[in-house]
């Protein structure tokens, strides 16, 4: 893969998405589970993301057909 070239006069910035307290707590639980058992913890998918993928006309969806 190569680098993305910036067009003249345009600056591209990529900032990390800040984590919520809930996200931080979930990540900590997964890491603690892995350290204690050596296995990956199964994580339930977010219902909103799945619903938007199932409905291709949704504004949040990817538009899969």
Protein backbone atom coordinates (compact mmCIF):
# COMPACT_ATOMS: atom_id res chain seq x y z
CA UNK A 1 0.00 0.00 0.00
CA UNK A 2 1.10 3.50 -0.64
CA UNK A 3 0.60 6.83 1.00
CA UNK A 4 -2.33 9.16 0.36
CA UNK A 5 -1.16 12.29 -1.41
CA UNK A 6 -2.73 15.53 -0.21
CA UNK A 7 -4.12 17.74 -2.96
CA UNK A 8 -2.61 21.24 -3.12
CA UNK A 9 -4.18 23.55 -0.54
CA UNK A 10 -5.84 20.71 1.40
CA UNK A 11 -4.60 19.31 4.72
CA UNK A 12 -5.79 15.86 5.73
CA UNK A 13 -5.93 15.09 9.46
CA UNK A 14 -6.65 11.70 10.97
CA UNK A 15 -7.56 11.87 14.65
CA UNK A 16 -8.34 8.91 16.85
CA UNK A 17 -11.94 8.53 17.98
CA UNK A 18 -12.13 9.19 21.74
CA UNK A 19 -13.27 6.20 23.79
CA UNK A 20 -16.23 6.46 26.10
CA UNK A 21 -16.06 5.16 29.67
CA UNK A 22 -18.19 2.20 28.59
CA UNK A 23 -15.75 1.35 25.77
CA UNK A 24 -12.77 1.59 28.14
CA UNK A 25 -14.51 -0.69 30.65
CA UNK A 26 -15.34 -3.29 27.95
CA UNK A 27 -11.76 -3.28 26.65
CA UNK A 28 -10.41 -3.72 30.17
CA UNK A 29 -12.76 -6.68 30.75
CA UNK A 30 -11.65 -8.37 27.52
CA UNK A 31 -7.97 -7.91 28.37
CA UNK A 32 -8.47 -9.21 31.93
CA UNK A 33 -10.37 -12.25 30.60
CA UNK A 34 -7.60 -13.01 28.10
CA UNK A 35 -4.88 -12.69 30.74
CA UNK A 36 -6.68 -14.99 33.17
CA UNK A 37 -7.80 -17.68 30.69
CA UNK A 38 -5.58 -17.32 27.63
CA UNK A 39 -8.68 -17.38 25.41
CA UNK A 40 -10.43 -14.66 23.45
CA UNK A 41 -13.72 -13.46 24.89
CA UNK A 42 -16.69 -13.49 22.54
CA UNK A 43 -18.16 -10.03 22.16
CA UNK A 44 -21.73 -9.32 21.10
CA UNK A 45 -22.04 -6.99 18.10
CA UNK A 46 -23.73 -3.63 18.50
CA UNK A 47 -27.39 -3.93 17.55
CA UNK A 48 -27.42 -0.56 15.79
CA UNK A 49 -24.60 -1.54 13.43
CA UNK A 50 -26.23 -4.83 12.51
CA UNK A 51 -29.62 -3.19 11.92
CA UNK A 52 -28.11 -0.59 9.60
CA UNK A 53 -26.39 -3.29 7.54
CA UNK A 54 -29.62 -5.28 7.19
CA UNK A 55 -31.52 -2.21 5.95
CA UNK A 56 -29.74 -1.00 2.79
CA UNK A 57 -31.86 2.17 2.62
CA UNK A 58 -30.75 3.31 6.09
CA UNK A 59 -28.71 6.52 6.17
CA UNK A 60 -26.24 4.89 8.55
CA UNK A 61 -25.93 1.70 6.53
CA UNK A 62 -23.29 0.83 4.05
CA UNK A 63 -25.84 0.28 1.32
CA UNK A 64 -25.24 -3.41 0.77
CA UNK A 65 -27.45 -5.00 -1.86
